[in-house]
């Protein structure tokens, strides 16, 4: 089965940025090694991706004993489009939707309308989805973990 899919580079960049967004409230900087391990991303590839994210102003480095990487702006102000275009350039569903369009059949092909509508919808989704929308939900201290809601809690006597 053939599928349309995003590149590994985009997937890894989004995982890294979402990881940093999960640490945003604590203002904790994360190392490339930590992100690579926890997000299951090849470290050397991630190092190159993080440099691109820094260059585009989405991530910044912090020096010192607790150094590493943090988001350069709030997760609420960073979209999927920002991250994707930082590592891959402009998004185009097909050559006829690129700027400038690069198709010898432009204007004579019945598929162009479908590709343009698909492009519009994809861009709308990527522009309206922020990194904050997809980060791990924060669980208040003492709240029941929703991933393990059925597990019995230990009583004080058992601890």
N, C-alpha and C. Protein backbone atom coordinates (compact mmCIF):
# COMPACT_ATOMS: atom_id res chain seq x y z
N UNK A 1 0.84 -1.17 0.00
CA UNK A 1 0.00 0.00 0.00
C UNK A 1 0.89 1.25 0.00
N UNK A 2 0.68 2.11 -0.96
CA UNK A 2 1.44 3.35 -1.03
C UNK A 2 0.74 4.41 -0.19
N UNK A 3 1.53 5.17 0.55
CA UNK A 3 0.95 6.25 1.35
C UNK A 3 1.74 7.53 1.13
N UNK A 4 1.07 8.64 1.32
CA UNK A 4 1.77 9.92 1.31
C UNK A 4 2.26 10.12 2.74
N UNK A 5 3.49 10.49 2.90
CA UNK A 5 3.98 10.68 4.26
C UNK A 5 4.98 11.81 4.33
N UNK A 6 5.09 12.37 5.52
CA UNK A 6 6.07 13.43 5.75
C UNK A 6 7.45 12.79 5.89
N UNK A 7 8.47 13.56 5.65
CA UNK A 7 9.83 13.05 5.74
C UNK A 7 10.21 12.76 7.19
N UNK A 8 11.21 11.94 7.38
CA UNK A 8 11.73 11.66 8.72
C UNK A 8 12.23 12.95 9.35
N UNK A 9 12.81 13.81 8.54
CA UNK A 9 13.35 15.08 9.04
C UNK A 9 12.24 15.91 9.68
N UNK A 10 11.09 16.01 9.03
CA UNK A 10 9.97 16.75 9.58
C UNK A 10 9.47 16.08 10.85
N UNK A 11 9.31 14.77 10.80
CA UNK A 11 8.83 14.01 11.96
C UNK A 11 9.76 14.24 13.17
N UNK A 12 11.05 14.12 12.95
CA UNK A 12 12.02 14.29 14.04
C UNK A 12 12.04 15.73 14.56
N UNK A 13 11.94 16.70 13.66
CA UNK A 13 11.92 18.11 14.08
C UNK A 13 10.70 18.38 14.95
N UNK A 14 9.55 17.87 14.55
CA UNK A 14 8.33 18.07 15.35
C UNK A 14 8.46 17.37 16.70
N UNK A 15 9.00 16.15 16.72
CA UNK A 15 9.18 15.45 18.00
C UNK A 15 10.08 16.24 18.94
N UNK A 16 11.16 16.79 18.39
CA UNK A 16 12.11 17.55 19.21
C UNK A 16 11.46 18.81 19.77
N UNK A 17 10.74 19.54 18.94
CA UNK A 17 10.11 20.78 19.38
C UNK A 17 9.01 20.48 20.40
N UNK A 18 8.25 19.44 20.17
CA UNK A 18 7.20 19.06 21.13
C UNK A 18 7.85 18.65 22.46
N UNK A 19 8.97 17.94 22.40
CA UNK A 19 9.69 17.57 23.62
C UNK A 19 10.09 18.83 24.40
N UNK A 20 10.62 19.81 23.70
CA UNK A 20 11.01 21.06 24.36
C UNK A 20 9.78 21.79 24.91
N UNK A 21 8.67 21.71 24.21
CA UNK A 21 7.43 22.34 24.69
C UNK A 21 6.95 21.68 25.97
N UNK A 22 7.17 20.38 26.09
CA UNK A 22 6.78 19.67 27.32
C UNK A 22 7.58 20.13 28.52
N UNK A 23 8.75 20.70 28.29
CA UNK A 23 9.61 21.19 29.37
C UNK A 23 9.49 22.69 29.56
N UNK A 24 8.68 23.33 28.76
CA UNK A 24 8.58 24.79 28.76
C UNK A 24 8.16 25.35 30.13
N UNK A 25 7.20 24.75 30.78
CA UNK A 25 6.71 25.27 32.06
C UNK A 25 7.80 25.27 33.13
N UNK A 26 8.68 24.27 33.08
CA UNK A 26 9.74 24.19 34.08
C UNK A 26 10.97 24.99 33.65
N UNK A 27 10.98 25.48 32.41
CA UNK A 27 12.10 26.24 31.85
C UNK A 27 13.39 25.42 31.83
N UNK A 28 13.24 24.10 31.84
CA UNK A 28 14.41 23.21 31.82
C UNK A 28 14.94 23.05 30.40
N UNK A 29 16.23 23.23 30.25
CA UNK A 29 16.89 23.02 28.96
C UNK A 29 17.15 21.53 28.78
N UNK A 30 17.08 21.06 27.54
CA UNK A 30 17.28 19.64 27.24
C UNK A 30 18.46 19.47 26.30
N UNK A 31 19.22 18.42 26.52
CA UNK A 31 20.34 18.13 25.63
C UNK A 31 19.84 17.37 24.40
N UNK A 32 20.64 17.42 23.34
CA UNK A 32 20.30 16.66 22.13
C UNK A 32 20.26 15.17 22.47
N UNK A 33 21.18 14.73 23.32
CA UNK A 33 21.21 13.32 23.70
C UNK A 33 19.93 12.88 24.39
N UNK A 34 19.44 13.71 25.30
CA UNK A 34 18.19 13.39 26.01
C UNK A 34 17.02 13.31 25.03
N UNK A 35 16.91 14.33 24.17
CA UNK A 35 15.81 14.35 23.20
C UNK A 35 15.90 13.13 22.29
N UNK A 36 17.10 12.86 21.79
CA UNK A 36 17.29 11.73 20.87
C UNK A 36 16.87 10.41 21.52
N UNK A 37 17.28 10.22 22.76
CA UNK A 37 16.95 8.97 23.46
C UNK A 37 15.45 8.85 23.74
N UNK A 38 14.87 9.88 24.31
CA UNK A 38 13.47 9.81 24.71
C UNK A 38 12.50 9.84 23.53
N UNK A 39 12.89 10.50 22.46
CA UNK A 39 12.02 10.60 21.28
C UNK A 39 12.37 9.59 20.19
N UNK A 40 13.38 8.76 20.48
CA UNK A 40 13.81 7.72 19.54
C UNK A 40 14.19 8.29 18.17
N UNK A 41 15.11 9.24 18.23
CA UNK A 41 15.59 9.93 17.03
C UNK A 41 17.10 9.73 16.96
N UNK A 42 17.65 9.42 15.78
CA UNK A 42 19.10 9.29 15.66
C UNK A 42 19.80 10.60 16.05
N UNK A 43 20.73 10.50 16.98
CA UNK A 43 21.38 11.69 17.57
C UNK A 43 22.06 12.58 16.52
N UNK A 44 22.84 11.99 15.64
CA UNK A 44 23.57 12.81 14.65
C UNK A 44 22.61 13.55 13.73
N UNK A 45 21.54 12.90 13.34
CA UNK A 45 20.54 13.55 12.48
C UNK A 45 19.86 14.67 13.26
N UNK A 46 19.54 14.41 14.53
CA UNK A 46 18.88 15.40 15.37
C UNK A 46 19.77 16.63 15.57
N UNK A 47 21.07 16.44 15.73
CA UNK A 47 21.98 17.57 15.90
C UNK A 47 21.88 18.53 14.72
N UNK A 48 21.79 18.00 13.51
CA UNK A 48 21.66 18.84 12.30
C UNK A 48 20.31 19.54 12.28
N UNK A 49 19.27 18.83 12.66
CA UNK A 49 17.93 19.40 12.68
C UNK A 49 17.85 20.54 13.69
N UNK A 50 18.41 20.33 14.88
CA UNK A 50 18.38 21.37 15.92
C UNK A 50 19.12 22.62 15.43
N UNK A 51 20.21 22.45 14.72
CA UNK A 51 20.93 23.61 14.17
C UNK A 51 20.04 24.39 13.21
N UNK A 52 19.27 23.69 12.39
CA UNK A 52 18.34 24.38 11.48
C UNK A 52 17.26 25.12 12.26
N UNK A 53 16.76 24.49 13.32
CA UNK A 53 15.73 25.13 14.14
C UNK A 53 16.28 26.37 14.84
N UNK A 54 17.54 26.32 15.26
CA UNK A 54 18.19 27.49 15.85
C UNK A 54 18.33 28.59 14.80
N UNK A 55 18.81 28.22 13.63
CA UNK A 55 19.02 29.18 12.55
C UNK A 55 17.71 29.90 12.16
N UNK A 56 16.59 29.20 12.25
CA UNK A 56 15.29 29.78 11.91
C UNK A 56 14.60 30.46 13.09
N UNK A 57 15.27 30.47 14.26
CA UNK A 57 14.74 31.19 15.41
C UNK A 57 13.65 30.47 16.18
N UNK A 58 13.57 29.15 16.05
CA UNK A 58 12.55 28.39 16.78
C UNK A 58 13.09 27.80 18.08
N UNK A 59 14.38 27.55 18.12
CA UNK A 59 15.04 26.96 19.28
C UNK A 59 16.26 27.82 19.59
N UNK A 60 16.63 27.87 20.86
CA UNK A 60 17.87 28.57 21.23
C UNK A 60 18.65 27.70 22.20
N UNK A 61 19.94 27.92 22.22
CA UNK A 61 20.78 27.15 23.13
C UNK A 61 21.00 27.96 24.39
N UNK A 62 21.19 27.23 25.48
CA UNK A 62 21.46 27.84 26.78
C UNK A 62 22.77 27.23 27.28
N UNK A 63 23.69 28.07 27.63
CA UNK A 63 25.00 27.60 28.11
C UNK A 63 24.98 27.38 29.61
N UNK A 64 26.01 26.73 30.08
CA UNK A 64 26.18 26.56 31.52
C UNK A 64 25.94 25.14 31.98
N UNK A 65 26.05 24.91 33.29
CA UNK A 65 25.93 23.57 33.84
C UNK A 65 24.55 22.95 33.60
N UNK A 66 23.54 23.77 33.49
CA UNK A 66 22.20 23.27 33.20
C UNK A 66 21.79 23.69 31.80
N UNK A 67 22.77 23.70 30.91
CA UNK A 67 22.54 24.14 29.53
C UNK A 67 21.86 23.09 28.68
N UNK A 68 21.59 23.48 27.48
CA UNK A 68 20.92 22.62 26.52
C UNK A 68 20.10 23.48 25.58
N UNK A 69 18.94 22.98 25.19
CA UNK A 69 18.10 23.68 24.23
C UNK A 69 16.72 23.93 24.81
N UNK A 70 16.17 25.09 24.44
CA UNK A 70 14.82 25.49 24.84
C UNK A 70 14.14 26.12 23.63
N UNK A 71 12.83 26.24 23.70
CA UNK A 71 12.10 26.93 22.64
C UNK A 71 12.48 28.41 22.66
N UNK A 72 12.58 29.01 21.50
CA UNK A 72 12.93 30.42 21.40
C UNK A 72 11.71 31.32 21.57
N UNK A 73 10.53 30.74 21.45
CA UNK A 73 9.30 31.49 21.70
C UNK A 73 8.27 30.52 22.25
N UNK A 74 7.21 31.02 22.86
CA UNK A 74 6.23 30.12 23.48
C UNK A 74 5.61 29.13 22.49
N UNK A 75 5.32 27.94 22.98
CA UNK A 75 4.73 26.89 22.13
C UNK A 75 3.40 27.33 21.53
N UNK A 76 2.70 28.23 22.20
CA UNK A 76 1.43 28.75 21.70
C UNK A 76 1.64 29.63 20.47
N UNK A 77 2.85 30.10 20.27
CA UNK A 77 3.16 30.98 19.15
C UNK A 77 3.98 30.29 18.07
N UNK A 78 4.05 28.97 18.11
CA UNK A 78 4.82 28.20 17.13
C UNK A 78 3.89 27.17 16.50
N UNK A 79 3.81 27.18 15.17
CA UNK A 79 2.90 26.27 14.48
C UNK A 79 3.64 25.12 13.81
N UNK A 80 2.86 24.12 13.41
CA UNK A 80 3.42 23.03 12.63
C UNK A 80 4.09 23.59 11.38
N UNK A 81 3.45 24.57 10.74
CA UNK A 81 4.03 25.16 9.54
C UNK A 81 5.40 25.75 9.83
N UNK A 82 5.54 26.46 10.93
CA UNK A 82 6.83 27.05 11.30
C UNK A 82 7.93 25.99 11.35
N UNK A 83 7.64 24.89 12.01
CA UNK A 83 8.65 23.84 12.20
C UNK A 83 8.94 23.15 10.87
N UNK A 84 7.91 22.79 10.14
CA UNK A 84 8.10 22.09 8.86
C UNK A 84 8.92 22.94 7.90
N UNK A 85 8.55 24.20 7.76
CA UNK A 85 9.27 25.05 6.81
C UNK A 85 10.68 25.39 7.28
N UNK A 86 10.92 25.34 8.58
CA UNK A 86 12.27 25.58 9.10
C UNK A 86 13.24 24.51 8.64
N UNK A 87 12.77 23.28 8.53
CA UNK A 87 13.68 22.19 8.17
C UNK A 87 13.57 21.72 6.71
N UNK A 88 12.46 22.02 6.05
CA UNK A 88 12.28 21.54 4.68
C UNK A 88 12.01 22.63 3.66
N UNK A 89 11.71 23.84 4.11
CA UNK A 89 11.36 24.89 3.17
C UNK A 89 9.86 24.90 2.92
N UNK A 90 9.43 25.68 1.92
CA UNK A 90 7.99 25.82 1.67
C UNK A 90 7.30 24.48 1.42
N UNK A 91 6.08 24.39 1.91
CA UNK A 91 5.28 23.18 1.80
C UNK A 91 4.51 23.20 0.49
N UNK A 92 4.58 22.11 -0.26
CA UNK A 92 3.83 22.01 -1.51
C UNK A 92 3.34 20.58 -1.67
N UNK A 93 2.03 20.43 -1.80
CA UNK A 93 1.43 19.11 -1.95
C UNK A 93 1.78 18.48 -3.30
N UNK A 94 1.92 19.31 -4.32
CA UNK A 94 2.26 18.84 -5.66
C UNK A 94 2.94 19.98 -6.40
N UNK A 95 3.59 19.68 -7.52
CA UNK A 95 4.33 20.71 -8.24
C UNK A 95 3.43 21.85 -8.71
N UNK A 96 2.17 21.58 -8.97
CA UNK A 96 1.27 22.65 -9.45
C UNK A 96 0.84 23.60 -8.33
N UNK A 97 1.11 23.23 -7.07
CA UNK A 97 0.75 24.11 -5.96
C UNK A 97 1.97 24.85 -5.40
N UNK A 98 3.13 24.57 -5.96
CA UNK A 98 4.36 25.22 -5.51
C UNK A 98 4.38 26.67 -5.98
N UNK A 99 5.20 27.48 -5.33
CA UNK A 99 5.40 28.88 -5.74
C UNK A 99 6.82 29.04 -6.22
N UNK A 100 7.08 29.26 -7.48
CA UNK A 100 6.13 29.29 -8.58
C UNK A 100 5.75 27.87 -9.00
N UNK A 101 4.57 27.74 -9.59
CA UNK A 101 4.10 26.43 -10.06
C UNK A 101 5.06 25.91 -11.13
N UNK A 102 5.36 24.62 -11.07
CA UNK A 102 6.33 24.03 -11.98
C UNK A 102 5.69 22.82 -12.68
N UNK A 103 4.73 23.11 -13.56
CA UNK A 103 4.03 22.02 -14.23
C UNK A 103 3.71 22.44 -15.67
N UNK A 104 4.07 21.59 -16.60
CA UNK A 104 3.83 21.90 -18.02
C UNK A 104 2.34 21.79 -18.38
N UNK A 105 1.53 21.18 -17.53
CA UNK A 105 0.10 21.01 -17.81
C UNK A 105 -0.77 22.03 -17.08
N UNK A 106 -0.13 23.00 -16.43
CA UNK A 106 -0.84 23.99 -15.63
C UNK A 106 -1.98 24.64 -16.43
N UNK A 107 -3.16 24.61 -15.84
CA UNK A 107 -4.33 25.20 -16.50
C UNK A 107 -5.08 24.27 -17.42
N UNK A 108 -4.49 23.12 -17.74
CA UNK A 108 -5.15 22.17 -18.64
C UNK A 108 -5.43 20.83 -17.97
N UNK A 109 -5.03 20.69 -16.74
CA UNK A 109 -5.15 19.42 -16.03
C UNK A 109 -6.34 19.46 -15.08
N UNK A 110 -7.17 18.45 -15.12
CA UNK A 110 -8.33 18.39 -14.24
C UNK A 110 -7.98 18.17 -12.78
N UNK A 111 -6.77 17.70 -12.50
CA UNK A 111 -6.38 17.44 -11.11
C UNK A 111 -5.94 18.68 -10.36
N UNK A 112 -5.59 19.72 -11.07
CA UNK A 112 -5.06 20.92 -10.43
C UNK A 112 -6.00 21.45 -9.36
N UNK A 113 -7.29 21.47 -9.64
CA UNK A 113 -8.28 21.96 -8.68
C UNK A 113 -8.22 21.15 -7.38
N UNK A 114 -8.09 19.84 -7.49
CA UNK A 114 -8.03 18.96 -6.32
C UNK A 114 -6.75 19.22 -5.53
N UNK A 115 -5.62 19.33 -6.22
CA UNK A 115 -4.35 19.58 -5.54
C UNK A 115 -4.36 20.93 -4.83
N UNK A 116 -4.94 21.94 -5.47
CA UNK A 116 -5.00 23.28 -4.85
C UNK A 116 -5.88 23.26 -3.60
N UNK A 117 -7.01 22.57 -3.66
CA UNK A 117 -7.87 22.48 -2.48
C UNK A 117 -7.18 21.68 -1.37
N UNK A 118 -6.50 20.60 -1.74
CA UNK A 118 -5.74 19.83 -0.76
C UNK A 118 -4.66 20.69 -0.12
N UNK A 119 -3.97 21.47 -0.93
CA UNK A 119 -2.93 22.38 -0.42
C UNK A 119 -3.53 23.39 0.55
N UNK A 120 -4.67 23.96 0.19
CA UNK A 120 -5.32 24.95 1.05
C UNK A 120 -5.67 24.34 2.40
N UNK A 121 -6.23 23.13 2.38
CA UNK A 121 -6.64 22.48 3.63
C UNK A 121 -5.44 22.09 4.49
N UNK A 122 -4.42 21.56 3.88
CA UNK A 122 -3.22 21.17 4.62
C UNK A 122 -2.59 22.40 5.26
N UNK A 123 -2.46 23.48 4.50
CA UNK A 123 -1.85 24.70 5.03
C UNK A 123 -2.70 25.27 6.16
N UNK A 124 -4.01 25.22 6.00
CA UNK A 124 -4.90 25.71 7.06
C UNK A 124 -4.67 24.93 8.36
N UNK A 125 -4.56 23.61 8.24
CA UNK A 125 -4.31 22.77 9.41
C UNK A 125 -2.95 23.07 10.03
N UNK A 126 -1.90 23.12 9.22
CA UNK A 126 -0.55 23.36 9.73
C UNK A 126 -0.40 24.75 10.34
N UNK A 127 -1.12 25.74 9.80
CA UNK A 127 -1.04 27.10 10.32
C UNK A 127 -1.85 27.28 11.60
N UNK A 128 -2.89 26.47 11.75
CA UNK A 128 -3.76 26.64 12.93
C UNK A 128 -3.40 25.69 14.08
N UNK A 129 -2.51 24.74 13.85
CA UNK A 129 -2.10 23.81 14.89
C UNK A 129 -0.79 24.29 15.51
N UNK A 130 -0.86 24.65 16.78
CA UNK A 130 0.36 25.10 17.46
C UNK A 130 1.03 23.91 18.14
N UNK A 131 2.26 24.09 18.48
CA UNK A 131 3.00 23.06 19.22
C UNK A 131 2.34 22.85 20.57
N UNK A 132 1.81 23.91 21.17
CA UNK A 132 1.11 23.78 22.46
C UNK A 132 -0.11 22.86 22.33
N UNK A 133 -0.73 22.83 21.16
CA UNK A 133 -1.91 21.99 20.96
C UNK A 133 -1.60 20.50 21.08
N UNK A 134 -0.37 20.12 20.83
CA UNK A 134 -0.04 18.69 20.77
C UNK A 134 0.94 18.24 21.84
N UNK A 135 1.34 19.16 22.70
CA UNK A 135 2.27 18.73 23.76
C UNK A 135 1.52 17.86 24.77
N UNK A 136 2.31 17.16 25.56
CA UNK A 136 1.76 16.27 26.59
C UNK A 136 0.98 17.11 27.59
N UNK A 137 -0.24 16.70 27.92
CA UNK A 137 -1.01 17.48 28.90
C UNK A 137 -0.34 17.44 30.27
N UNK A 138 -0.37 18.56 30.94
CA UNK A 138 0.21 18.64 32.29
C UNK A 138 -0.76 18.02 33.28
N UNK A 139 -0.27 17.17 34.15
CA UNK A 139 -1.08 16.53 35.18
C UNK A 139 -0.77 17.23 36.50
N UNK A 140 -1.78 17.83 37.12
CA UNK A 140 -1.52 18.51 38.40
C UNK A 140 -0.99 17.53 39.44
N UNK A 141 -0.11 18.00 40.32
CA UNK A 141 0.42 17.12 41.37
C UNK A 141 -0.72 16.49 42.16
N UNK A 142 -0.63 15.19 42.41
CA UNK A 142 -1.65 14.49 43.18
C UNK A 142 -2.83 13.99 42.35
N UNK A 143 -2.90 14.40 41.08
CA UNK A 143 -4.00 13.93 40.23
C UNK A 143 -3.71 12.51 39.76
N UNK A 144 -4.75 11.79 39.47
CA UNK A 144 -4.62 10.42 38.99
C UNK A 144 -4.08 10.45 37.57
N UNK A 145 -3.10 9.64 37.29
CA UNK A 145 -2.51 9.54 35.97
C UNK A 145 -3.53 8.92 35.02
N UNK A 146 -4.00 9.65 33.97
CA UNK A 146 -5.02 9.10 33.09
C UNK A 146 -4.54 7.89 32.29
N UNK A 147 -3.23 7.73 32.12
CA UNK A 147 -2.72 6.58 31.41
C UNK A 147 -2.73 5.32 32.26
N UNK A 148 -2.84 5.52 33.57
CA UNK A 148 -2.81 4.39 34.48
C UNK A 148 -3.98 4.51 35.48
N UNK A 149 -5.13 4.96 34.98
CA UNK A 149 -6.27 5.27 35.83
C UNK A 149 -6.83 4.05 36.57
N UNK A 150 -6.66 2.87 35.98
CA UNK A 150 -7.23 1.69 36.62
C UNK A 150 -6.32 1.08 37.67
N UNK A 151 -5.09 1.55 37.76
CA UNK A 151 -4.17 0.97 38.74
C UNK A 151 -4.55 1.44 40.15
N UNK A 152 -4.60 0.53 41.10
CA UNK A 152 -4.92 0.93 42.47
C UNK A 152 -3.80 1.77 43.05
N UNK A 153 -4.15 2.75 43.84
CA UNK A 153 -3.16 3.59 44.49
C UNK A 153 -2.72 2.92 45.78
N UNK A 154 -1.47 3.07 46.08
CA UNK A 154 -0.93 2.48 47.31
C UNK A 154 -1.40 3.31 48.50
N UNK A 155 -1.78 2.64 49.54
CA UNK A 155 -2.17 3.37 50.75
C UNK A 155 -0.92 3.77 51.50
N UNK A 156 -1.05 4.69 52.43
CA UNK A 156 0.10 5.17 53.19
C UNK A 156 0.75 4.02 53.95
N UNK A 157 -0.07 3.06 54.40
CA UNK A 157 0.45 1.91 55.15
C UNK A 157 1.32 1.03 54.26
N UNK A 158 1.01 0.96 52.92
CA UNK A 158 1.80 0.15 52.01
C UNK A 158 3.12 0.81 51.66
N UNK A 159 3.18 2.14 51.81
CA UNK A 159 4.40 2.86 51.45
C UNK A 159 5.34 2.77 52.58
